[in-house]
Amino acid sequence: MTAAKTRSLWDPAIVRGAVRGALVKLKPQTMARNPVMFVVEVGSVLTTLALLRDVIQSRAGLSFEIQITFWLWLTVLFANFAEAMAEGRGKAQADTLRRARTETVASLLAPDGSTEGLASTFPPTAKSSKGSHRSMSQPSPASLRR
């Protein structure tokens, strides 16, 4: 049996997908599904507009507005990134499980005591199912009569 290869939390493929996903999730239609983060995003946009207005008008003391705007945008981007990372890891795990299902070999015990290795593909191929239309999880009618 081979050891399962585990992916790092910071797998470059997952991180690249998460960065793209975090930026795509900035769309208001996507953010509206999470009301709390939608409000934070709206606040980020409003503070950004207020900051731009104050910069254009050359107002003094912009450091507080810059900090608030920065932290709001950081919150939105980090939440989107974390959600996209979780989705990427979930998809990677599902792919691994799907691959394991097609690579697993089952041992079929024949009435004479011998065993035969069968690939557990779905749907069963003609070669591996030996002409039977039942899956391996269904009991045979003969075993039910005993």
N, C-alpha and C. Protein backbone atom coordinates (compact mmCIF):
# COMPACT_ATOMS: atom_id res chain seq x y z
N MET A 1 0.85 -1.17 0.00
CA MET A 1 0.00 0.00 0.00
C MET A 1 0.90 1.24 0.00
N THR A 2 0.56 2.22 -0.78
CA THR A 2 1.37 3.43 -0.86
C THR A 2 0.88 4.44 0.16
N ALA A 3 1.80 5.23 0.65
CA ALA A 3 1.44 6.27 1.61
C ALA A 3 0.78 7.42 0.87
N ALA A 4 -0.26 7.96 1.48
CA ALA A 4 -0.98 9.08 0.86
C ALA A 4 -0.10 10.33 0.92
N LYS A 5 -0.01 11.03 -0.19
CA LYS A 5 0.78 12.26 -0.24
C LYS A 5 -0.10 13.40 0.26
N THR A 6 0.33 14.07 1.31
CA THR A 6 -0.45 15.18 1.84
C THR A 6 0.05 16.47 1.22
N ARG A 7 -0.89 17.36 0.95
CA ARG A 7 -0.54 18.65 0.38
C ARG A 7 -0.29 19.64 1.50
N SER A 8 0.67 20.49 1.29
CA SER A 8 0.98 21.53 2.26
C SER A 8 -0.16 22.54 2.32
N LEU A 9 -0.31 23.16 3.48
CA LEU A 9 -1.33 24.20 3.63
C LEU A 9 -1.07 25.34 2.64
N TRP A 10 0.19 25.60 2.37
CA TRP A 10 0.57 26.69 1.47
C TRP A 10 1.00 26.16 0.11
N ASP A 11 0.33 25.14 -0.37
CA ASP A 11 0.60 24.59 -1.69
C ASP A 11 0.44 25.71 -2.72
N PRO A 12 1.46 25.96 -3.55
CA PRO A 12 1.40 27.09 -4.50
C PRO A 12 0.17 27.07 -5.41
N ALA A 13 -0.26 25.90 -5.84
CA ALA A 13 -1.43 25.84 -6.72
C ALA A 13 -2.69 26.31 -5.98
N ILE A 14 -2.82 25.90 -4.73
CA ILE A 14 -3.99 26.31 -3.95
C ILE A 14 -3.93 27.80 -3.63
N VAL A 15 -2.74 28.30 -3.28
CA VAL A 15 -2.60 29.72 -2.94
C VAL A 15 -2.89 30.60 -4.16
N ARG A 16 -2.39 30.21 -5.34
CA ARG A 16 -2.68 31.00 -6.56
C ARG A 16 -4.18 31.05 -6.83
N GLY A 17 -4.83 29.90 -6.70
CA GLY A 17 -6.28 29.87 -6.90
C GLY A 17 -7.01 30.69 -5.85
N ALA A 18 -6.50 30.68 -4.61
CA ALA A 18 -7.14 31.43 -3.54
C ALA A 18 -6.99 32.94 -3.74
N VAL A 19 -5.83 33.37 -4.24
CA VAL A 19 -5.64 34.80 -4.52
C VAL A 19 -6.61 35.26 -5.60
N ARG A 20 -6.71 34.45 -6.67
CA ARG A 20 -7.68 34.79 -7.73
C ARG A 20 -9.10 34.78 -7.18
N GLY A 21 -9.41 33.76 -6.40
CA GLY A 21 -10.75 33.65 -5.82
C GLY A 21 -11.07 34.80 -4.89
N ALA A 22 -10.09 35.25 -4.11
CA ALA A 22 -10.31 36.36 -3.19
C ALA A 22 -10.65 37.65 -3.95
N LEU A 23 -10.00 37.85 -5.08
CA LEU A 23 -10.29 39.05 -5.87
C LEU A 23 -11.63 38.95 -6.58
N VAL A 24 -11.98 37.75 -7.04
CA VAL A 24 -13.27 37.56 -7.71
C VAL A 24 -14.41 37.76 -6.71
N LYS A 25 -14.19 37.35 -5.47
CA LYS A 25 -15.24 37.46 -4.44
C LYS A 25 -15.50 38.90 -4.01
N LEU A 26 -14.75 39.86 -4.52
CA LEU A 26 -14.99 41.26 -4.17
C LEU A 26 -16.24 41.82 -4.85
N LYS A 27 -16.78 41.09 -5.82
CA LYS A 27 -18.00 41.55 -6.49
C LYS A 27 -19.12 41.69 -5.45
N PRO A 28 -19.86 42.80 -5.47
CA PRO A 28 -20.93 42.99 -4.49
C PRO A 28 -21.98 41.87 -4.50
N GLN A 29 -22.27 41.29 -5.67
CA GLN A 29 -23.25 40.20 -5.73
C GLN A 29 -22.76 39.00 -4.92
N THR A 30 -21.46 38.74 -4.96
CA THR A 30 -20.90 37.62 -4.20
C THR A 30 -20.85 37.96 -2.72
N MET A 31 -20.44 39.18 -2.40
CA MET A 31 -20.33 39.59 -1.00
C MET A 31 -21.69 39.69 -0.32
N ALA A 32 -22.74 39.94 -1.06
CA ALA A 32 -24.08 40.09 -0.47
C ALA A 32 -24.56 38.79 0.16
N ARG A 33 -23.98 37.65 -0.23
CA ARG A 33 -24.36 36.38 0.38
C ARG A 33 -23.89 36.27 1.82
N ASN A 34 -22.89 37.07 2.20
CA ASN A 34 -22.41 37.11 3.57
C ASN A 34 -22.64 38.54 4.07
N PRO A 35 -23.75 38.78 4.79
CA PRO A 35 -24.12 40.15 5.15
C PRO A 35 -23.06 40.91 5.95
N VAL A 36 -22.37 40.23 6.86
CA VAL A 36 -21.38 40.91 7.68
C VAL A 36 -20.23 41.42 6.81
N MET A 37 -19.70 40.56 5.96
CA MET A 37 -18.59 40.97 5.10
C MET A 37 -19.06 41.98 4.05
N PHE A 38 -20.31 41.91 3.65
CA PHE A 38 -20.84 42.89 2.71
C PHE A 38 -20.83 44.29 3.35
N VAL A 39 -21.23 44.36 4.62
CA VAL A 39 -21.22 45.65 5.32
C VAL A 39 -19.79 46.16 5.47
N VAL A 40 -18.85 45.27 5.76
CA VAL A 40 -17.44 45.68 5.87
C VAL A 40 -16.94 46.19 4.52
N GLU A 41 -17.33 45.51 3.44
CA GLU A 41 -16.90 45.97 2.11
C GLU A 41 -17.51 47.34 1.78
N VAL A 42 -18.77 47.53 2.09
CA VAL A 42 -19.39 48.84 1.85
C VAL A 42 -18.68 49.91 2.67
N GLY A 43 -18.35 49.59 3.92
CA GLY A 43 -17.59 50.54 4.75
C GLY A 43 -16.23 50.83 4.16
N SER A 44 -15.60 49.82 3.59
CA SER A 44 -14.29 50.02 2.95
C SER A 44 -14.39 50.97 1.77
N VAL A 45 -15.41 50.78 0.97
CA VAL A 45 -15.60 51.65 -0.20
C VAL A 45 -15.89 53.09 0.25
N LEU A 46 -16.75 53.22 1.26
CA LEU A 46 -17.10 54.57 1.73
C LEU A 46 -15.89 55.28 2.35
N THR A 47 -15.10 54.57 3.15
CA THR A 47 -13.92 55.22 3.73
C THR A 47 -12.87 55.53 2.66
N THR A 48 -12.79 54.69 1.63
CA THR A 48 -11.86 54.97 0.52
C THR A 48 -12.29 56.24 -0.21
N LEU A 49 -13.59 56.37 -0.46
CA LEU A 49 -14.09 57.58 -1.12
C LEU A 49 -13.86 58.82 -0.26
N ALA A 50 -14.09 58.70 1.05
CA ALA A 50 -13.85 59.84 1.95
C ALA A 50 -12.37 60.19 1.99
N LEU A 51 -11.52 59.17 1.98
CA LEU A 51 -10.07 59.41 1.98
C LEU A 51 -9.65 60.13 0.70
N LEU A 52 -10.15 59.66 -0.44
CA LEU A 52 -9.81 60.31 -1.72
C LEU A 52 -10.29 61.77 -1.73
N ARG A 53 -11.49 62.01 -1.21
CA ARG A 53 -12.01 63.38 -1.15
C ARG A 53 -11.10 64.26 -0.30
N ASP A 54 -10.66 63.73 0.86
CA ASP A 54 -9.81 64.52 1.74
C ASP A 54 -8.42 64.74 1.15
N VAL A 55 -7.92 63.77 0.40
CA VAL A 55 -6.61 63.94 -0.27
C VAL A 55 -6.72 65.01 -1.34
N ILE A 56 -7.79 64.98 -2.12
CA ILE A 56 -7.98 65.99 -3.19
C ILE A 56 -8.12 67.39 -2.59
N GLN A 57 -8.80 67.48 -1.44
CA GLN A 57 -8.98 68.78 -0.80
C GLN A 57 -7.79 69.18 0.08
N SER A 58 -6.75 68.38 0.10
CA SER A 58 -5.52 68.65 0.86
C SER A 58 -5.78 68.89 2.35
N ARG A 59 -6.63 68.07 2.93
CA ARG A 59 -6.89 68.19 4.37
C ARG A 59 -5.74 67.59 5.15
N ALA A 60 -5.53 68.15 6.32
CA ALA A 60 -4.46 67.65 7.18
C ALA A 60 -4.98 66.50 8.05
N GLY A 61 -4.05 65.71 8.59
CA GLY A 61 -4.41 64.64 9.52
C GLY A 61 -5.12 63.47 8.86
N LEU A 62 -4.55 62.96 7.80
CA LEU A 62 -5.16 61.84 7.08
C LEU A 62 -4.76 60.47 7.63
N SER A 63 -3.85 60.46 8.60
CA SER A 63 -3.32 59.17 9.06
C SER A 63 -4.41 58.27 9.63
N PHE A 64 -5.37 58.83 10.37
CA PHE A 64 -6.44 58.01 10.93
C PHE A 64 -7.30 57.40 9.82
N GLU A 65 -7.67 58.22 8.84
CA GLU A 65 -8.49 57.71 7.72
C GLU A 65 -7.74 56.65 6.92
N ILE A 66 -6.46 56.85 6.73
CA ILE A 66 -5.65 55.86 6.00
C ILE A 66 -5.63 54.54 6.75
N GLN A 67 -5.44 54.61 8.09
CA GLN A 67 -5.40 53.39 8.89
C GLN A 67 -6.74 52.65 8.85
N ILE A 68 -7.82 53.36 9.03
CA ILE A 68 -9.15 52.72 9.03
C ILE A 68 -9.42 52.09 7.67
N THR A 69 -9.13 52.81 6.60
CA THR A 69 -9.33 52.28 5.25
C THR A 69 -8.48 51.03 5.02
N PHE A 70 -7.22 51.10 5.43
CA PHE A 70 -6.33 49.96 5.28
C PHE A 70 -6.86 48.74 6.02
N TRP A 71 -7.24 48.89 7.28
CA TRP A 71 -7.70 47.75 8.06
C TRP A 71 -9.02 47.18 7.53
N LEU A 72 -9.90 48.02 7.06
CA LEU A 72 -11.16 47.51 6.49
C LEU A 72 -10.89 46.69 5.23
N TRP A 73 -10.05 47.21 4.33
CA TRP A 73 -9.73 46.46 3.11
C TRP A 73 -8.97 45.18 3.43
N LEU A 74 -8.07 45.24 4.42
CA LEU A 74 -7.33 44.06 4.82
C LEU A 74 -8.29 42.98 5.35
N THR A 75 -9.29 43.39 6.11
CA THR A 75 -10.29 42.45 6.64
C THR A 75 -11.06 41.78 5.52
N VAL A 76 -11.52 42.57 4.56
CA VAL A 76 -12.28 42.01 3.44
C VAL A 76 -11.42 41.04 2.62
N LEU A 77 -10.21 41.46 2.29
CA LEU A 77 -9.35 40.62 1.46
C LEU A 77 -8.93 39.34 2.20
N PHE A 78 -8.62 39.46 3.49
CA PHE A 78 -8.21 38.27 4.24
C PHE A 78 -9.37 37.28 4.37
N ALA A 79 -10.58 37.78 4.63
CA ALA A 79 -11.74 36.89 4.74
C ALA A 79 -11.99 36.18 3.42
N ASN A 80 -11.91 36.90 2.32
CA ASN A 80 -12.10 36.28 1.00
C ASN A 80 -11.00 35.26 0.71
N PHE A 81 -9.76 35.60 1.06
CA PHE A 81 -8.64 34.69 0.84
C PHE A 81 -8.81 33.41 1.66
N ALA A 82 -9.19 33.56 2.92
CA ALA A 82 -9.36 32.38 3.79
C ALA A 82 -10.48 31.49 3.25
N GLU A 83 -11.56 32.07 2.80
CA GLU A 83 -12.67 31.28 2.24
C GLU A 83 -12.23 30.58 0.95
N ALA A 84 -11.50 31.28 0.10
CA ALA A 84 -11.02 30.68 -1.15
C ALA A 84 -10.01 29.57 -0.87
N MET A 85 -9.17 29.73 0.16
CA MET A 85 -8.21 28.68 0.54
C MET A 85 -8.97 27.43 0.99
N ALA A 86 -10.00 27.62 1.80
CA ALA A 86 -10.79 26.48 2.28
C ALA A 86 -11.46 25.77 1.11
N GLU A 87 -11.99 26.54 0.16
CA GLU A 87 -12.60 25.92 -1.02
C GLU A 87 -11.57 25.17 -1.84
N GLY A 88 -10.39 25.75 -2.01
CA GLY A 88 -9.34 25.08 -2.78
C GLY A 88 -8.89 23.79 -2.13
N ARG A 89 -8.73 23.81 -0.81
CA ARG A 89 -8.33 22.58 -0.11
C ARG A 89 -9.43 21.53 -0.17
N GLY A 90 -10.68 21.97 -0.09
CA GLY A 90 -11.80 21.03 -0.20
C GLY A 90 -11.84 20.38 -1.57
N LYS A 91 -11.62 21.17 -2.61
CA LYS A 91 -11.60 20.61 -3.97
C LYS A 91 -10.43 19.65 -4.15
N ALA A 92 -9.28 19.99 -3.58
CA ALA A 92 -8.11 19.11 -3.68
C ALA A 92 -8.38 17.79 -2.96
N GLN A 93 -9.03 17.86 -1.81
CA GLN A 93 -9.35 16.64 -1.06
C GLN A 93 -10.36 15.80 -1.83
N ALA A 94 -11.36 16.44 -2.43
CA ALA A 94 -12.34 15.70 -3.22
C ALA A 94 -11.68 15.02 -4.42
N ASP A 95 -10.74 15.71 -5.05
CA ASP A 95 -10.01 15.10 -6.17
C ASP A 95 -9.23 13.88 -5.72
N THR A 96 -8.59 14.00 -4.55
CA THR A 96 -7.82 12.88 -4.01
C THR A 96 -8.72 11.69 -3.71
N LEU A 97 -9.87 11.95 -3.10
CA LEU A 97 -10.81 10.86 -2.80
C LEU A 97 -11.35 10.23 -4.07
N ARG A 98 -11.62 11.05 -5.08
CA ARG A 98 -12.12 10.52 -6.36
C ARG A 98 -11.06 9.64 -7.01
N ARG A 99 -9.81 10.08 -6.94
CA ARG A 99 -8.71 9.31 -7.52
C ARG A 99 -8.52 8.00 -6.75
N ALA A 100 -8.64 8.04 -5.43
CA ALA A 100 -8.48 6.84 -4.62
C ALA A 100 -9.57 5.83 -4.93
N ARG A 101 -10.77 6.31 -5.19
CA ARG A 101 -11.87 5.41 -5.50
C ARG A 101 -11.60 4.64 -6.79
N THR A 102 -10.98 5.29 -7.75
CA THR A 102 -10.73 4.61 -9.02
C THR A 102 -9.48 3.75 -8.98
N GLU A 103 -8.59 3.97 -7.99
CA GLU A 103 -7.35 3.22 -7.91
C GLU A 103 -7.42 2.06 -6.92
N THR A 104 -8.49 1.95 -6.15
CA THR A 104 -8.60 0.92 -5.13
C THR A 104 -8.86 -0.43 -5.76
N VAL A 105 -8.20 -1.47 -5.22
CA VAL A 105 -8.38 -2.82 -5.73
C VAL A 105 -9.09 -3.62 -4.64
N ALA A 106 -10.16 -4.29 -5.03
CA ALA A 106 -10.93 -5.12 -4.10
C ALA A 106 -10.55 -6.59 -4.32
N SER A 107 -10.57 -7.37 -3.25
CA SER A 107 -10.32 -8.81 -3.34
C SER A 107 -11.66 -9.53 -3.33
N LEU A 108 -11.91 -10.30 -4.37
CA LEU A 108 -13.15 -11.06 -4.49
C LEU A 108 -12.84 -12.49 -4.07
N LEU A 109 -13.57 -12.97 -3.07
CA LEU A 109 -13.38 -14.32 -2.58
C LEU A 109 -14.29 -15.26 -3.36
N ALA A 110 -13.68 -16.20 -4.08
CA ALA A 110 -14.44 -17.16 -4.88
C ALA A 110 -14.91 -18.31 -3.98
N PRO A 111 -15.95 -19.08 -4.41
CA PRO A 111 -16.46 -20.20 -3.61
C PRO A 111 -15.38 -21.24 -3.29
N ASP A 112 -14.38 -21.40 -4.16
CA ASP A 112 -13.34 -22.40 -3.91
C ASP A 112 -12.26 -21.90 -2.95
N GLY A 113 -12.40 -20.67 -2.42
CA GLY A 113 -11.45 -20.13 -1.45
C GLY A 113 -10.37 -19.27 -2.06
N SER A 114 -10.26 -19.22 -3.37
CA SER A 114 -9.25 -18.38 -4.00
C SER A 114 -9.74 -16.92 -4.04
N THR A 115 -8.79 -16.01 -4.16
CA THR A 115 -9.15 -14.59 -4.25
C THR A 115 -8.73 -14.05 -5.60
N GLU A 116 -9.49 -13.06 -6.02
CA GLU A 116 -9.22 -12.41 -7.31
C GLU A 116 -9.25 -10.91 -7.09
N GLY A 117 -8.26 -10.21 -7.58
CA GLY A 117 -8.21 -8.76 -7.44
C GLY A 117 -9.03 -8.09 -8.53
N LEU A 118 -9.94 -7.22 -8.12
CA LEU A 118 -10.80 -6.49 -9.06
C LEU A 118 -10.61 -5.00 -8.82
N ALA A 119 -10.50 -4.26 -9.91
CA ALA A 119 -10.43 -2.80 -9.80
C ALA A 119 -11.81 -2.29 -9.43
N SER A 120 -11.87 -1.38 -8.49
CA SER A 120 -13.17 -0.87 -8.05
C SER A 120 -13.51 0.39 -8.83
N THR A 121 -13.71 0.23 -10.11
CA THR A 121 -14.06 1.38 -10.95
C THR A 121 -15.56 1.54 -10.94
N PHE A 122 -16.00 2.74 -11.21
CA PHE A 122 -17.43 3.00 -11.30
C PHE A 122 -17.69 3.76 -12.57
N PRO A 123 -18.60 3.34 -13.41
CA PRO A 123 -19.36 2.10 -13.31
C PRO A 123 -18.46 0.90 -13.60
N PRO A 124 -18.83 -0.29 -13.12
CA PRO A 124 -17.97 -1.45 -13.34
C PRO A 124 -17.81 -1.75 -14.82
N THR A 125 -16.59 -2.09 -15.19
CA THR A 125 -16.34 -2.44 -16.57
C THR A 125 -16.70 -3.89 -16.79
N ALA A 126 -16.85 -4.30 -18.02
CA ALA A 126 -17.22 -5.68 -18.34
C ALA A 126 -16.15 -6.64 -17.85
N LYS A 127 -14.89 -6.22 -17.90
CA LYS A 127 -13.80 -7.09 -17.48
C LYS A 127 -13.81 -7.31 -15.97
N SER A 128 -14.06 -6.23 -15.19
CA SER A 128 -13.98 -6.36 -13.75
C SER A 128 -15.25 -6.90 -13.12
N SER A 129 -16.40 -6.77 -13.80
CA SER A 129 -17.65 -7.20 -13.17
C SER A 129 -17.99 -8.65 -13.49
N LYS A 130 -17.26 -9.29 -14.38
CA LYS A 130 -17.49 -10.69 -14.76
C LYS A 130 -18.93 -10.92 -15.20
N GLY A 131 -19.50 -9.92 -15.87
CA GLY A 131 -20.83 -10.08 -16.42
C GLY A 131 -21.94 -9.81 -15.41
N SER A 132 -21.62 -9.54 -14.17
CA SER A 132 -22.63 -9.30 -13.16
C SER A 132 -23.07 -7.85 -13.21
N HIS A 133 -24.35 -7.61 -13.01
CA HIS A 133 -24.84 -6.25 -13.02
C HIS A 133 -24.95 -5.68 -11.61
N ARG A 134 -24.69 -6.48 -10.57
CA ARG A 134 -24.77 -6.02 -9.20
C ARG A 134 -23.45 -5.34 -8.82
N SER A 135 -23.56 -4.36 -7.93
CA SER A 135 -22.33 -3.77 -7.40
C SER A 135 -21.84 -4.65 -6.26
N MET A 136 -20.62 -4.42 -5.80
CA MET A 136 -20.05 -5.26 -4.76
C MET A 136 -20.76 -5.08 -3.43
N SER A 137 -21.48 -3.99 -3.22
CA SER A 137 -22.13 -3.77 -1.94
C SER A 137 -23.48 -4.48 -1.83
N GLN A 138 -24.05 -4.92 -2.95
CA GLN A 138 -25.34 -5.60 -2.92
C GLN A 138 -25.13 -7.09 -2.67
N PRO A 139 -25.92 -7.67 -1.76
CA PRO A 139 -25.78 -9.11 -1.52
C PRO A 139 -26.37 -9.90 -2.69
N SER A 140 -25.82 -11.05 -2.90
CA SER A 140 -26.34 -11.91 -3.97
C SER A 140 -27.60 -12.60 -3.45
N PRO A 141 -28.50 -12.99 -4.35
CA PRO A 141 -29.73 -13.67 -3.92
C PRO A 141 -29.40 -14.98 -3.17
N ALA A 142 -28.30 -15.67 -3.52
CA ALA A 142 -27.95 -16.91 -2.84
C ALA A 142 -27.58 -16.66 -1.38
N SER A 143 -26.92 -15.53 -1.10
CA SER A 143 -26.52 -15.26 0.28
C SER A 143 -27.71 -14.85 1.14
N LEU A 144 -28.77 -14.35 0.52
CA LEU A 144 -29.96 -13.97 1.27
C LEU A 144 -30.78 -15.19 1.70
N ARG A 145 -30.68 -16.28 0.94
CA ARG A 145 -31.45 -17.49 1.24
C ARG A 145 -30.86 -18.29 2.40
N ARG A 146 -29.62 -18.05 2.73
CA ARG A 146 -28.97 -18.84 3.79
C ARG A 146 -29.49 -18.54 5.15
